[in-house]
């Protein structure tokens, strides 16, 4: 009987240990949602960017300005900055 109680206590201790580790890792992870999470993501050009136009990012239409050059419809670009409701993008290499 004492062996079963000891085994149960060890199993509960191990379970608590893994739960604490999981919670600590979850709290250390940085949230990437909203505007901050969009930087570095891909967008698809809907209307030509020369330098202003429309892109589709996360399933939504956004006004965008390309940093250099021009981008044609269906071309992928990378979001570099979010300024209010406008995205700054650069051509994908």
Protein backbone atom coordinates (compact mmCIF):
# COMPACT_ATOMS: atom_id res chain seq x y z
CA UNK A 1 0.00 0.00 0.00
CA UNK A 2 2.82 2.42 0.86
CA UNK A 3 4.44 1.66 -2.53
CA UNK A 4 1.30 2.67 -4.40
CA UNK A 5 1.04 5.95 -2.47
CA UNK A 6 4.71 6.73 -3.14
CA UNK A 7 4.30 5.95 -6.85
CA UNK A 8 1.21 8.17 -7.03
CA UNK A 9 3.07 11.00 -5.25
CA UNK A 10 5.98 10.76 -7.70
CA UNK A 11 3.63 10.80 -10.71
CA UNK A 12 1.81 13.86 -9.37
CA UNK A 13 5.14 15.63 -8.73
CA UNK A 14 6.34 14.91 -12.27
CA UNK A 15 3.03 16.13 -13.71
CA UNK A 16 3.22 19.37 -11.72
CA UNK A 17 6.84 19.85 -12.82
CA UNK A 18 5.92 19.62 -16.52
CA UNK A 19 2.93 21.94 -16.07
CA UNK A 20 5.13 24.57 -14.40
CA UNK A 21 7.73 24.31 -17.20
CA UNK A 22 4.97 24.67 -19.83
CA UNK A 23 3.53 27.76 -18.09
CA UNK A 24 6.95 29.42 -17.82
CA UNK A 25 7.64 28.86 -21.54
CA UNK A 26 4.22 30.23 -22.47
CA UNK A 27 4.86 33.42 -20.50
CA UNK A 28 8.28 33.96 -22.07
CA UNK A 29 6.92 33.68 -25.61
CA UNK A 30 6.29 37.08 -27.17
CA UNK A 31 2.84 37.75 -28.56
CA UNK A 32 2.78 38.51 -32.27
CA UNK A 33 -0.66 39.79 -33.06
CA UNK A 34 -2.00 42.97 -34.50
CA UNK A 35 0.21 45.51 -36.20
CA UNK A 36 3.49 44.31 -34.71
CA UNK A 37 2.85 40.79 -35.96
CA UNK A 38 2.43 41.92 -39.56
CA UNK A 39 5.98 43.21 -40.00
CA UNK A 40 8.00 40.63 -41.91
CA UNK A 41 4.91 38.88 -43.30
CA UNK A 42 4.13 38.43 -46.99
CA UNK A 43 1.44 40.32 -48.88
CA UNK A 44 0.20 39.94 -52.45
CA UNK A 45 -0.10 42.98 -54.70
CA UNK A 46 -3.67 43.58 -55.87
CA UNK A 47 -3.15 46.82 -57.82
CA UNK A 48 0.24 47.91 -59.10
CA UNK A 49 2.43 49.64 -56.53
CA UNK A 50 4.00 52.64 -58.23
CA UNK A 51 4.67 53.64 -55.43
CA UNK A 52 1.10 53.51 -54.00
CA UNK A 53 -1.45 50.75 -54.47
CA UNK A 54 -3.42 47.99 -52.77
CA UNK A 55 -2.10 44.72 -51.31
CA UNK A 56 -3.81 41.75 -49.70
CA UNK A 57 -2.37 40.94 -46.27
CA UNK A 58 -3.94 38.43 -43.89
CA UNK A 59 -6.95 38.19 -46.20
CA UNK A 60 -7.69 41.93 -46.13
CA UNK A 61 -7.12 44.78 -48.57
CA UNK A 62 -4.57 47.35 -47.37
CA UNK A 63 -3.26 50.57 -48.88
CA UNK A 64 0.46 50.20 -49.38
CA UNK A 65 3.53 52.13 -50.43
CA UNK A 66 6.53 50.33 -51.87
CA UNK A 67 9.96 51.52 -50.67
CA UNK A 68 11.75 51.26 -54.04
CA UNK A 69 10.72 50.62 -57.59
CA UNK A 70 7.42 49.11 -58.64
CA UNK A 71 5.49 45.90 -57.98
CA UNK A 72 2.95 44.35 -60.34
CA UNK A 73 -0.34 42.58 -59.46
CA UNK A 74 0.03 39.01 -58.08
CA UNK A 75 3.63 39.73 -57.01
CA UNK A 76 4.58 38.96 -53.40
CA UNK A 77 6.00 41.73 -51.23
CA UNK A 78 7.25 41.86 -47.64
CA UNK A 79 5.69 44.18 -45.06
CA UNK A 80 8.37 46.38 -43.48
CA UNK A 81 6.28 48.83 -41.45
CA UNK A 82 2.69 49.60 -40.45
CA UNK A 83 1.74 53.29 -40.43
CA UNK A 84 -1.85 53.63 -39.25
CA UNK A 85 -3.93 51.92 -41.94
CA UNK A 86 -1.16 51.94 -44.55
CA UNK A 87 1.59 49.38 -45.03
CA UNK A 88 5.15 50.01 -46.13
CA UNK A 89 6.39 47.13 -48.27
CA UNK A 90 9.48 46.05 -50.17
CA UNK A 91 9.89 43.68 -53.08
CA UNK A 92 10.57 40.07 -52.21
CA UNK A 93 14.04 38.97 -53.30
